C-alpha atoms as a PDB file:
ATOM      1  CA  UNK A   1      -6.501  15.621 -23.224  1.00  0.00           C
ATOM      2  CA  UNK A   2      -2.804  15.662 -22.481  1.00  0.00           C
ATOM      3  CA  UNK A   3      -0.288  13.915 -24.685  1.00  0.00           C
ATOM      4  CA  UNK A   4       0.791  11.842 -21.685  1.00  0.00           C
ATOM      5  CA  UNK A   5      -2.623  10.135 -21.394  1.00  0.00           C
ATOM      6  CA  UNK A   6      -3.676   7.108 -23.428  1.00  0.00           C
ATOM      7  CA  UNK A   7      -6.616   7.589 -25.777  1.00  0.00           C
ATOM      8  CA  UNK A   8      -7.561   3.884 -25.695  1.00  0.00           C
ATOM      9  CA  UNK A   9      -9.623   2.276 -22.928  1.00  0.00           C
ATOM     10  CA  UNK A  10      -7.821   0.310 -20.222  1.00  0.00           C
ATOM     11  CA  UNK A  11      -9.387  -2.532 -18.232  1.00  0.00           C
ATOM     12  CA  UNK A  12      -8.380  -3.949 -14.887  1.00  0.00           C
ATOM     13  CA  UNK A  13      -9.517  -7.123 -13.129  1.00  0.00           C
ATOM     14  CA  UNK A  14      -9.205  -7.120  -9.339  1.00  0.00           C
ATOM     15  CA  UNK A  15      -9.881  -9.964  -6.878  1.00  0.00           C
ATOM     16  CA  UNK A  16     -11.996 -10.130  -3.765  1.00  0.00           C
ATOM     17  CA  UNK A  17      -9.947 -10.518  -0.600  1.00  0.00           C
ATOM     18  CA  UNK A  18     -10.297 -11.827   2.922  1.00  0.00           C
ATOM     19  CA  UNK A  19      -8.265 -10.140   5.638  1.00  0.00           C
ATOM     20  CA  UNK A  20      -7.192 -11.065   9.168  1.00  0.00           C
ATOM     21  CA  UNK A  21      -7.675 -14.829   8.585  1.00  0.00           C
ATOM     22  CA  UNK A  22      -8.363 -15.106  12.310  1.00  0.00           C
ATOM     23  CA  UNK A  23      -5.265 -14.144  14.317  1.00  0.00           C
ATOM     24  CA  UNK A  24      -3.519 -12.008  11.679  1.00  0.00           C
ATOM     25  CA  UNK A  25      -5.454  -8.851  12.535  1.00  0.00           C
ATOM     26  CA  UNK A  26      -4.652  -5.961  10.159  1.00  0.00           C
ATOM     27  CA  UNK A  27      -1.714  -7.949   8.754  1.00  0.00           C
ATOM     28  CA  UNK A  28      -2.670 -11.143   6.886  1.00  0.00           C
ATOM     29  CA  UNK A  29      -4.848 -11.412   3.818  1.00  0.00           C
ATOM     30  CA  UNK A  30      -5.509 -13.573   0.794  1.00  0.00           C
ATOM     31  CA  UNK A  31      -6.865 -12.947  -2.682  1.00  0.00           C
ATOM     32  CA  UNK A  32      -9.943 -14.872  -3.797  1.00  0.00           C
ATOM     33  CA  UNK A  33     -11.042 -16.051  -7.245  1.00  0.00           C
ATOM     34  CA  UNK A  34     -13.995 -13.665  -7.457  1.00  0.00           C
ATOM     35  CA  UNK A  35     -13.392 -10.520  -9.476  1.00  0.00           C
ATOM     36  CA  UNK A  36     -14.564  -7.036 -10.347  1.00  0.00           C
ATOM     37  CA  UNK A  37     -13.649  -5.720 -13.789  1.00  0.00           C
ATOM     38  CA  UNK A  38     -13.410  -2.004 -14.471  1.00  0.00           C
ATOM     39  CA  UNK A  39     -12.866  -0.312 -17.830  1.00  0.00           C
ATOM     40  CA  UNK A  40     -11.783   3.331 -17.927  1.00  0.00           C
ATOM     41  CA  UNK A  41     -11.164   5.750 -20.774  1.00  0.00           C
ATOM     42  CA  UNK A  42     -10.199   9.386 -20.908  1.00  0.00           C
ATOM     43  CA  UNK A  43     -12.878  11.694 -22.335  1.00  0.00           C
ATOM     44  CA  UNK A  44     -13.148  15.365 -23.174  1.00  0.00           C
ATOM     45  CA  UNK A  45     -15.210  16.348 -20.155  1.00  0.00           C
ATOM     46  CA  UNK A  46     -17.165  15.136 -17.134  1.00  0.00           C
ATOM     47  CA  UNK A  47     -17.167  11.872 -15.216  1.00  0.00           C
ATOM     48  CA  UNK A  48     -19.571   9.006 -15.825  1.00  0.00           C
ATOM     49  CA  UNK A  49     -19.606   5.649 -14.018  1.00  0.00           C
ATOM     50  CA  UNK A  50     -21.763   2.730 -15.139  1.00  0.00           C
ATOM     51  CA  UNK A  51     -22.146  -0.033 -12.541  1.00  0.00           C
ATOM     52  CA  UNK A  52     -23.302  -3.529 -13.484  1.00  0.00           C
ATOM     53  CA  UNK A  53     -23.846  -6.329 -10.954  1.00  0.00           C
ATOM     54  CA  UNK A  54     -23.127  -5.861  -7.237  1.00  0.00           C
ATOM     55  CA  UNK A  55     -23.892  -2.298  -6.137  1.00  0.00           C
ATOM     56  CA  UNK A  56     -25.826  -1.397  -9.294  1.00  0.00           C
ATOM     57  CA  UNK A  57     -28.339   1.319  -8.471  1.00  0.00           C
ATOM     58  CA  UNK A  58     -26.602   2.001  -5.149  1.00  0.00           C
ATOM     59  CA  UNK A  59     -23.064   3.127  -5.919  1.00  0.00           C
ATOM     60  CA  UNK A  60     -22.571   6.685  -7.210  1.00  0.00           C
ATOM     61  CA  UNK A  61     -22.283   7.299 -10.936  1.00  0.00           C
ATOM     62  CA  UNK A  62     -20.125  10.423 -10.703  1.00  0.00           C
ATOM     63  CA  UNK A  63     -16.759  11.629  -9.398  1.00  0.00           C
ATOM     64  CA  UNK A  64     -17.610  10.568  -5.845  1.00  0.00           C
ATOM     65  CA  UNK A  65     -17.304   6.900  -6.852  1.00  0.00           C
ATOM     66  CA  UNK A  66     -14.397   5.295  -4.979  1.00  0.00           C
ATOM     67  CA  UNK A  67     -12.670   4.101  -8.168  1.00  0.00           C
ATOM     68  CA  UNK A  68     -12.648   7.675  -9.489  1.00  0.00           C
ATOM     69  CA  UNK A  69     -11.329   9.063  -6.200  1.00  0.00           C
ATOM     70  CA  UNK A  70      -8.498   6.521  -6.237  1.00  0.00           C
ATOM     71  CA  UNK A  71      -7.709   7.337  -9.872  1.00  0.00           C
ATOM     72  CA  UNK A  72      -7.472  11.033  -9.125  1.00  0.00           C
ATOM     73  CA  UNK A  73      -5.095  10.388  -6.253  1.00  0.00           C
ATOM     74  CA  UNK A  74      -2.681   8.653  -8.652  1.00  0.00           C
ATOM     75  CA  UNK A  75      -3.203  11.233 -11.401  1.00  0.00           C
ATOM     76  CA  UNK A  76      -2.216  13.908  -8.874  1.00  0.00           C
ATOM     77  CA  UNK A  77       0.858  11.877  -7.896  1.00  0.00           C
ATOM     78  CA  UNK A  78       1.895  11.679 -11.553  1.00  0.00           C
ATOM     79  CA  UNK A  79       1.054  15.301 -12.313  1.00  0.00           C
ATOM     80  CA  UNK A  80      -1.702  14.486 -14.807  1.00  0.00           C
ATOM     81  CA  UNK A  81      -5.394  15.387 -14.795  1.00  0.00           C
ATOM     82  CA  UNK A  82      -7.650  14.115 -17.581  1.00  0.00           C
ATOM     83  CA  UNK A  83     -10.439  16.443 -18.685  1.00  0.00           C
ATOM     84  CA  UNK A  84     -12.998  13.685 -18.265  1.00  0.00           C
ATOM     85  CA  UNK A  85     -13.382   9.990 -17.477  1.00  0.00           C
ATOM     86  CA  UNK A  86     -15.852   7.264 -18.441  1.00  0.00           C
ATOM     87  CA  UNK A  87     -15.901   4.109 -16.323  1.00  0.00           C
ATOM     88  CA  UNK A  88     -17.743   0.834 -16.644  1.00  0.00           C
ATOM     89  CA  UNK A  89     -17.715  -1.405 -13.567  1.00  0.00           C
ATOM     90  CA  UNK A  90     -18.751  -5.051 -13.732  1.00  0.00           C
ATOM     91  CA  UNK A  91     -18.925  -5.942 -10.032  1.00  0.00           C
ATOM     92  CA  UNK A  92     -19.081  -9.472  -8.659  1.00  0.00           C
ATOM     93  CA  UNK A  93     -17.662  -8.850  -5.166  1.00  0.00           C
ATOM     94  CA  UNK A  94     -20.498  -8.464  -2.622  1.00  0.00           C
ATOM     95  CA  UNK A  95     -20.615  -5.013  -1.063  1.00  0.00           C
ATOM     96  CA  UNK A  96     -20.040  -4.470   2.671  1.00  0.00           C
ATOM     97  CA  UNK A  97     -19.642  -8.164   3.427  1.00  0.00           C
ATOM     98  CA  UNK A  98     -15.994  -8.398   4.545  1.00  0.00           C
ATOM     99  CA  UNK A  99     -14.712  -9.454   1.122  1.00  0.00           C
ATOM    100  CA  UNK A 100     -12.713  -6.355   0.248  1.00  0.00           C
ATOM    101  CA  UNK A 101     -15.118  -4.575  -2.106  1.00  0.00           C
ATOM    102  CA  UNK A 102     -13.758  -1.139  -1.176  1.00  0.00           C
ATOM    103  CA  UNK A 103     -10.154  -2.313  -1.487  1.00  0.00           C
ATOM    104  CA  UNK A 104     -10.962  -3.765  -4.913  1.00  0.00           C
ATOM    105  CA  UNK A 105     -12.354  -0.387  -5.994  1.00  0.00           C
ATOM    106  CA  UNK A 106      -9.280   1.422  -4.681  1.00  0.00           C
ATOM    107  CA  UNK A 107      -6.803  -0.982  -6.280  1.00  0.00           C
ATOM    108  CA  UNK A 108      -8.735  -0.870  -9.555  1.00  0.00           C
ATOM    109  CA  UNK A 109      -8.528   2.915  -9.490  1.00  0.00           C
ATOM    110  CA  UNK A 110      -4.830   3.226  -8.728  1.00  0.00           C
ATOM    111  CA  UNK A 111      -3.884   0.573 -11.303  1.00  0.00           C
ATOM    112  CA  UNK A 112      -6.152   2.081 -13.994  1.00  0.00           C
ATOM    113  CA  UNK A 113      -4.833   5.600 -13.475  1.00  0.00           C
ATOM    114  CA  UNK A 114      -1.218   4.469 -13.702  1.00  0.00           C
ATOM    115  CA  UNK A 115      -2.011   2.464 -16.842  1.00  0.00           C
ATOM    116  CA  UNK A 116      -3.699   5.455 -18.499  1.00  0.00           C
ATOM    117  CA  UNK A 117      -0.577   7.602 -18.072  1.00  0.00           C
ATOM    118  CA  UNK A 118       2.101   6.984 -20.658  1.00  0.00           C
ATOM    119  CA  UNK A 119       5.148   5.642 -18.819  1.00  0.00           C
ATOM    120  CA  UNK A 120       3.161   5.475 -15.581  1.00  0.00           C
ATOM    121  CA  UNK A 121       4.742   2.216 -14.448  1.00  0.00           C
ATOM    122  CA  UNK A 122       8.213   3.768 -14.657  1.00  0.00           C
ATOM    123  CA  UNK A 123       7.087   6.787 -12.645  1.00  0.00           C
ATOM    124  CA  UNK A 124       5.139   4.920  -9.956  1.00  0.00           C
ATOM    125  CA  UNK A 125       6.203   1.409  -8.922  1.00  0.00           C
ATOM    126  CA  UNK A 126       4.181  -1.269  -7.105  1.00  0.00           C
ATOM    127  CA  UNK A 127       5.388  -0.035  -3.726  1.00  0.00           C
ATOM    128  CA  UNK A 128       4.010   3.380  -4.622  1.00  0.00           C
ATOM    129  CA  UNK A 129       0.674   1.890  -5.677  1.00  0.00           C
ATOM    130  CA  UNK A 130       0.439  -0.067  -2.422  1.00  0.00           C
ATOM    131  CA  UNK A 131       1.313   3.008  -0.366  1.00  0.00           C
ATOM    132  CA  UNK A 132      -1.394   5.104  -2.030  1.00  0.00           C
ATOM    133  CA  UNK A 133      -4.001   2.339  -1.881  1.00  0.00           C
ATOM    134  CA  UNK A 134      -3.361   1.768   1.823  1.00  0.00           C
ATOM    135  CA  UNK A 135      -3.600   5.506   2.530  1.00  0.00           C
ATOM    136  CA  UNK A 136      -7.005   5.587   0.862  1.00  0.00           C
ATOM    137  CA  UNK A 137      -8.251   2.428   2.592  1.00  0.00           C
ATOM    138  CA  UNK A 138      -6.752   3.231   6.000  1.00  0.00           C
ATOM    139  CA  UNK A 139      -4.950  -0.116   6.412  1.00  0.00           C
ATOM    140  CA  UNK A 140      -3.043  -2.399   4.034  1.00  0.00           C
ATOM    141  CA  UNK A 141      -4.397  -5.873   4.850  1.00  0.00           C
ATOM    142  CA  UNK A 142      -6.947  -5.994   1.991  1.00  0.00           C
ATOM    143  CA  UNK A 143      -5.288  -3.817  -0.637  1.00  0.00           C
ATOM    144  CA  UNK A 144      -2.060  -5.856  -0.494  1.00  0.00           C
ATOM    145  CA  UNK A 145      -3.557  -9.206  -1.607  1.00  0.00           C
ATOM    146  CA  UNK A 146      -5.817  -7.414  -4.068  1.00  0.00           C
ATOM    147  CA  UNK A 147      -2.795  -5.853  -5.756  1.00  0.00           C
ATOM    148  CA  UNK A 148      -0.319  -8.721  -5.395  1.00  0.00           C
ATOM    149  CA  UNK A 149      -2.447 -11.878  -5.258  1.00  0.00           C
ATOM    150  CA  UNK A 150      -1.765 -14.975  -3.184  1.00  0.00           C
ATOM    151  CA  UNK A 151      -1.303 -14.638   0.568  1.00  0.00           C
ATOM    152  CA  UNK A 152       0.160 -11.385   1.849  1.00  0.00           C
ATOM    153  CA  UNK A 153       1.696 -10.150   5.063  1.00  0.00           C
ATOM    154  CA  UNK A 154       1.327  -6.376   5.270  1.00  0.00           C
ATOM    155  CA  UNK A 155       2.608  -3.766   7.682  1.00  0.00           C
ATOM    156  CA  UNK A 156       3.064  -0.019   7.888  1.00  0.00           C
ATOM    157  CA  UNK A 157       6.390   1.783   8.171  1.00  0.00           C
ATOM    158  CA  UNK A 158       7.217   5.456   8.450  1.00  0.00           C
ATOM    159  CA  UNK A 159       7.275   5.672   4.657  1.00  0.00           C
ATOM    160  CA  UNK A 160       3.885   3.947   4.369  1.00  0.00           C
ATOM    161  CA  UNK A 161       2.487   0.493   3.731  1.00  0.00           C
ATOM    162  CA  UNK A 162       4.623  -2.463   2.721  1.00  0.00           C
ATOM    163  CA  UNK A 163       3.856  -6.114   2.048  1.00  0.00           C
ATOM    164  CA  UNK A 164       5.353  -9.435   1.103  1.00  0.00           C
ATOM    165  CA  UNK A 165       3.535 -12.044  -0.944  1.00  0.00           C
ATOM    166  CA  UNK A 166       3.738 -15.818  -0.497  1.00  0.00           C
ATOM    167  CA  UNK A 167       2.120 -18.697  -2.366  1.00  0.00           C
ATOM    168  CA  UNK A 168      -0.452 -20.810  -0.540  1.00  0.00           C
ATOM    169  CA  UNK A 169      -0.048 -24.576  -0.359  1.00  0.00           C
ATOM    170  CA  UNK A 170      -1.733 -26.208  -3.348  1.00  0.00           C
ATOM    171  CA  UNK A 171      -4.268 -27.988  -1.112  1.00  0.00           C
ATOM    172  CA  UNK A 172      -5.642 -24.805   0.495  1.00  0.00           C
ATOM    173  CA  UNK A 173      -9.212 -24.146  -0.563  1.00  0.00           C
ATOM    174  CA  UNK A 174     -11.278 -21.204   0.699  1.00  0.00           C
ATOM    175  CA  UNK A 175     -15.051 -21.250   1.069  1.00  0.00           C
ATOM    176  CA  UNK A 176     -16.887 -18.018   1.829  1.00  0.00           C
ATOM    177  CA  UNK A 177     -20.316 -17.954   3.466  1.00  0.00           C
ATOM    178  CA  UNK A 178     -22.074 -14.706   2.517  1.00  0.00           C
ATOM    179  CA  UNK A 179     -25.169 -13.542   4.429  1.00  0.00           C
ATOM    180  CA  UNK A 180     -27.881 -11.198   3.200  1.00  0.00           C
ATOM    181  CA  UNK A 181     -27.015  -8.731   5.964  1.00  0.00           C
ATOM    182  CA  UNK A 182     -24.262  -6.182   5.516  1.00  0.00           C
ATOM    183  CA  UNK A 183     -21.620  -4.843   7.836  1.00  0.00           C
ATOM    184  CA  UNK A 184     -19.527  -1.699   8.154  1.00  0.00           C
ATOM    185  CA  UNK A 185     -15.812  -1.751   8.932  1.00  0.00           C
ATOM    186  CA  UNK A 186     -16.172   1.365  11.104  1.00  0.00           C
ATOM    187  CA  UNK A 187     -18.801  -0.330  13.272  1.00  0.00           C
ATOM    188  CA  UNK A 188     -16.697  -3.473  13.618  1.00  0.00           C
ATOM    189  CA  UNK A 189     -13.622  -1.456  14.598  1.00  0.00           C
ATOM    190  CA  UNK A 190     -15.602   0.556  17.143  1.00  0.00           C
ATOM    191  CA  UNK A 191     -16.345  -2.689  19.006  1.00  0.00           C
ATOM    192  CA  UNK A 192     -12.660  -3.295  19.732  1.00  0.00           C
ATOM    193  CA  UNK A 193     -11.231  -2.380  23.154  1.00  0.00           C
ATOM    194  CA  UNK A 194      -8.254  -0.070  23.543  1.00  0.00           C
ATOM    195  CA  UNK A 195      -6.264  -2.773  25.364  1.00  0.00           C
ATOM    196  CA  UNK A 196      -6.312  -6.578  25.508  1.00  0.00           C
ATOM    197  CA  UNK A 197      -4.892  -9.064  28.028  1.00  0.00           C
ATOM    198  CA  UNK A 198      -1.223  -9.856  27.492  1.00  0.00           C
ATOM    199  CA  UNK A 199      -2.010 -13.594  27.333  1.00  0.00           C
ATOM    200  CA  UNK A 200      -4.436 -13.027  24.457  1.00  0.00           C
ATOM    201  CA  UNK A 201      -1.881 -10.964  22.539  1.00  0.00           C
ATOM    202  CA  UNK A 202       0.726 -13.676  23.071  1.00  0.00           C
ATOM    203  CA  UNK A 203      -1.638 -16.378  21.863  1.00  0.00           C
ATOM    204  CA  UNK A 204      -2.444 -14.417  18.711  1.00  0.00           C
ATOM    205  CA  UNK A 205       1.221 -13.800  17.944  1.00  0.00           C
ATOM    206  CA  UNK A 206       1.897 -17.520  18.070  1.00  0.00           C
ATOM    207  CA  UNK A 207      -1.170 -18.444  16.044  1.00  0.00           C
ATOM    208  CA  UNK A 208      -0.426 -15.835  13.361  1.00  0.00           C
ATOM    209  CA  UNK A 209       3.100 -17.180  12.995  1.00  0.00           C
ATOM    210  CA  UNK A 210       1.744 -20.734  12.773  1.00  0.00           C
ATOM    211  CA  UNK A 211      -0.824 -19.624  10.202  1.00  0.00           C
ATOM    212  CA  UNK A 212       1.885 -18.493   7.776  1.00  0.00           C
ATOM    213  CA  UNK A 213       3.357 -22.007   8.000  1.00  0.00           C
ATOM    214  CA  UNK A 214      -0.039 -23.724   7.805  1.00  0.00           C
ATOM    215  CA  UNK A 215      -1.316 -21.814   4.792  1.00  0.00           C
ATOM    216  CA  UNK A 216       1.924 -22.039   2.814  1.00  0.00           C
ATOM    217  CA  UNK A 217       3.378 -25.432   3.776  1.00  0.00           C
ATOM    218  CA  UNK A 218       1.228 -27.656   6.015  1.00  0.00           C
ATOM    219  CA  UNK A 219      -2.564 -27.092   5.950  1.00  0.00           C
ATOM    220  CA  UNK A 220      -3.055 -29.758   8.625  1.00  0.00           C
ATOM    221  CA  UNK A 221      -2.333 -26.984  11.147  1.00  0.00           C
ATOM    222  CA  UNK A 222      -4.991 -24.581   9.789  1.00  0.00           C
ATOM    223  CA  UNK A 223      -7.504 -25.224  12.568  1.00  0.00           C
ATOM    224  CA  UNK A 224      -5.112 -24.432  15.425  1.00  0.00           C
ATOM    225  CA  UNK A 225      -3.555 -21.606  13.418  1.00  0.00           C
ATOM    226  CA  UNK A 226      -6.852 -19.731  12.977  1.00  0.00           C
ATOM    227  CA  UNK A 227      -7.657 -19.306  16.680  1.00  0.00           C
ATOM    228  CA  UNK A 228      -8.113 -15.642  17.551  1.00  0.00           C
ATOM    229  CA  UNK A 229      -8.631 -13.655  20.735  1.00  0.00           C
ATOM    230  CA  UNK A 230      -7.931 -10.109  19.532  1.00  0.00           C
ATOM    231  CA  UNK A 231     -11.017  -9.117  17.563  1.00  0.00           C
ATOM    232  CA  UNK A 232     -13.639 -11.745  16.738  1.00  0.00           C
ATOM    233  CA  UNK A 233     -14.984 -12.189  20.269  1.00  0.00           C
ATOM    234  CA  UNK A 234     -15.418  -8.455  20.743  1.00  0.00           C
ATOM    235  CA  UNK A 235     -17.260  -8.129  17.427  1.00  0.00           C
ATOM    236  CA  UNK A 236     -19.540 -11.127  17.967  1.00  0.00           C
ATOM    237  CA  UNK A 237     -22.446  -9.181  19.556  1.00  0.00           C
ATOM    238  CA  UNK A 238     -22.744  -7.016  16.418  1.00  0.00           C
ATOM    239  CA  UNK A 239     -22.908 -10.062  14.120  1.00  0.00           C
ATOM    240  CA  UNK A 240     -24.370 -12.950  16.151  1.00  0.00           C
ATOM    241  CA  UNK A 241     -25.270 -15.025  13.087  1.00  0.00           C
ATOM    242  CA  UNK A 242     -21.688 -14.881  11.840  1.00  0.00           C
ATOM    243  CA  UNK A 243     -20.280 -15.723  15.278  1.00  0.00           C
ATOM    244  CA  UNK A 244     -22.664 -18.692  15.556  1.00  0.00           C
ATOM    245  CA  UNK A 245     -21.649 -19.978  12.115  1.00  0.00           C
ATOM    246  CA  UNK A 246     -17.939 -19.702  12.962  1.00  0.00           C
ATOM    247  CA  UNK A 247     -18.555 -21.582  16.222  1.00  0.00           C
ATOM    248  CA  UNK A 248     -20.567 -24.350  14.556  1.00  0.00           C
ATOM    249  CA  UNK A 249     -17.984 -24.831  11.795  1.00  0.00           C
ATOM    250  CA  UNK A 250     -15.124 -24.899  14.286  1.00  0.00           C
ATOM    251  CA  UNK A 251     -17.065 -27.455  16.338  1.00  0.00           C
ATOM    252  CA  UNK A 252     -16.798 -29.653  13.237  1.00  0.00           C
ATOM    253  CA  UNK A 253     -13.032 -29.084  13.151  1.00  0.00           C
ATOM    254  CA  UNK A 254     -13.200 -26.622  10.241  1.00  0.00           C
ATOM    255  CA  UNK A 255     -10.792 -23.640  10.282  1.00  0.00           C
ATOM    256  CA  UNK A 256     -13.489 -20.956  10.133  1.00  0.00           C
ATOM    257  CA  UNK A 257     -13.032 -17.244  10.851  1.00  0.00           C
ATOM    258  CA  UNK A 258     -14.814 -13.959  10.264  1.00  0.00           C
ATOM    259  CA  UNK A 259     -13.813 -12.671   6.829  1.00  0.00           C
ATOM    260  CA  UNK A 260     -12.312  -9.223   7.286  1.00  0.00           C
ATOM    261  CA  UNK A 261     -14.672  -7.078   9.351  1.00  0.00           C
ATOM    262  CA  UNK A 262     -17.554  -9.439   8.532  1.00  0.00           C
ATOM    263  CA  UNK A 263     -20.263 -10.438   8.347  1.00  0.00           C
ATOM    264  CA  UNK A 264     -19.097 -13.063   5.821  1.00  0.00           C
ATOM    265  CA  UNK A 265     -17.402 -16.183   7.179  1.00  0.00           C
ATOM    266  CA  UNK A 266     -14.276 -17.730   5.651  1.00  0.00           C
ATOM    267  CA  UNK A 267     -13.508 -21.434   5.943  1.00  0.00           C
ATOM    268  CA  UNK A 268      -9.987 -22.489   5.020  1.00  0.00           C
ATOM    269  CA  UNK A 269      -9.664 -26.155   4.178  1.00  0.00           C
ATOM    270  CA  UNK A 270      -6.790 -28.363   3.155  1.00  0.00           C
ATOM    271  CA  UNK A 271      -8.694 -31.443   2.087  1.00  0.00           C
ATOM    272  CA  UNK A 272     -11.900 -32.673   0.512  1.00  0.00           C
ATOM    273  CA  UNK A 273     -14.352 -31.035   2.925  1.00  0.00           C
ATOM    274  CA  UNK A 274     -17.606 -29.929   1.316  1.00  0.00           C
ATOM    275  CA  UNK A 275     -19.798 -27.455   3.192  1.00  0.00           C
ATOM    276  CA  UNK A 276     -23.437 -28.126   3.912  1.00  0.00           C
ATOM    277  CA  UNK A 277     -26.064 -25.597   2.898  1.00  0.00           C
ATOM    278  CA  UNK A 278     -26.761 -23.027   5.598  1.00  0.00           C
ATOM    279  CA  UNK A 279     -30.158 -21.270   5.471  1.00  0.00           C
ATOM    280  CA  UNK A 280     -29.763 -17.548   4.840  1.00  0.00           C
ATOM    281  CA  UNK A 281     -26.187 -17.870   3.563  1.00  0.00           C
ATOM    282  CA  UNK A 282     -24.700 -18.157   0.080  1.00  0.00           C
ATOM    283  CA  UNK A 283     -21.751 -20.519  -0.040  1.00  0.00           C
ATOM    284  CA  UNK A 284     -19.012 -19.564  -2.510  1.00  0.00           C
ATOM    285  CA  UNK A 285     -16.445 -22.300  -3.240  1.00  0.00           C
ATOM    286  CA  UNK A 286     -13.411 -20.337  -4.376  1.00  0.00           C
ATOM    287  CA  UNK A 287      -9.698 -20.646  -5.037  1.00  0.00           C
ATOM    288  CA  UNK A 288      -6.851 -18.425  -3.938  1.00  0.00           C
ATOM    289  CA  UNK A 289      -6.220 -15.912  -6.715  1.00  0.00           C
ATOM    290  CA  UNK A 290      -2.494 -16.138  -7.355  1.00  0.00           C
ATOM    291  CA  UNK A 291      -1.996 -13.114  -9.615  1.00  0.00           C
ATOM    292  CA  UNK A 292      -3.810 -10.130  -8.091  1.00  0.00           C
ATOM    293  CA  UNK A 293      -4.622  -7.061 -10.189  1.00  0.00           C
ATOM    294  CA  UNK A 294      -4.444  -7.629 -13.945  1.00  0.00           C
ATOM    295  CA  UNK A 295      -4.481  -4.789 -16.431  1.00  0.00           C
ATOM    296  CA  UNK A 296      -5.076  -4.831 -20.181  1.00  0.00           C
ATOM    297  CA  UNK A 297      -5.804  -2.508 -23.098  1.00  0.00           C
ATOM    298  CA  UNK A 298      -8.944  -2.669 -25.236  1.00  0.00           C
ATOM    299  CA  UNK A 299     -10.298  -5.733 -23.430  1.00  0.00           C
ATOM    300  CA  UNK A 300      -7.630  -7.987 -24.928  1.00  0.00           C
ATOM    301  CA  UNK A 301      -7.626 -10.318 -21.950  1.00  0.00           C
ATOM    302  CA  UNK A 302      -5.115 -12.678 -23.504  1.00  0.00           C
ATOM    303  CA  UNK A 303      -2.464  -9.974 -23.265  1.00  0.00           C
ATOM    304  CA  UNK A 304      -3.188  -8.882 -19.709  1.00  0.00           C
ATOM    305  CA  UNK A 305      -0.170  -8.066 -17.628  1.00  0.00           C
ATOM    306  CA  UNK A 306       0.140  -8.620 -13.911  1.00  0.00           C
ATOM    307  CA  UNK A 307       0.155  -5.245 -12.208  1.00  0.00           C
ATOM    308  CA  UNK A 308       2.993  -6.445  -9.997  1.00  0.00           C
ATOM    309  CA  UNK A 309       6.312  -7.123 -11.689  1.00  0.00           C
ATOM    310  CA  UNK A 310       7.971  -8.311  -8.480  1.00  0.00           C
ATOM    311  CA  UNK A 311       5.756 -11.005  -6.953  1.00  0.00           C
ATOM    312  CA  UNK A 312       7.975 -11.473  -3.922  1.00  0.00           C
ATOM    313  CA  UNK A 313       7.686  -8.066  -2.307  1.00  0.00           C
ATOM    314  CA  UNK A 314       6.223  -4.633  -2.614  1.00  0.00           C
ATOM    315  CA  UNK A 315       8.071  -2.807   0.048  1.00  0.00           C
END
């Protein structure tokens, strides 16, 4: 064990996320008040991963676990390599449902690894964490809100991913409808055409711009602002139940969209709307998580620090 590595366990709490939010494909995302917690400590040899909750008995318990792979990417960046690692994951984010479970694992890993290296925050800033997390995930729209909290607008530059964070309006309340069925991001992306009509692209640009205003200032515009023609229609045949639920909610005037790559459905409300029970779906009434990834030492949650020291921007 190198002198630069902490000998005490470090814990991180990371939020679920919903990306796209309708028209903001691969750009907009928000953090949700549903969390995974991961504790990591450096050991003398080997890698062990204990998983409790979502994914227990399914996710790997060795170095192939996504949290471990993300940790090693940051350890390599910082020039450190612990002899061994022991992880304990308490997972509450549903797996493969469009709620950012893989992004949560990646963000947990990059934040944990930096925290386990003495002086890690000085050697790798939040922009660096976001860049690495987005490289591992393939796109920044989920990892940005997971790391930064709130509502994020993410993009990719030559140097890598960047994002800005904004606060949602106080009245915004997300509800997530979670089905039993799962979905794969790769399958959802494969359904997208190489080109789209110019009119559809123009509509989405306008709606995405309106959505930033609606979600931060005036939620009365959420319904119009969540119209999308870039991805949801093309993906509908692969998740007909989700498409039907979005259509039925929108017929009621509710700003409903596919959450991420699906099959979960996100409803964004700005009032007192209460969802009805839908057979075959779990309804999660949530809040927007405003803080993102939180890291602490020895499970002292009262002294947790926000992983992001600049809440306005990471890029």
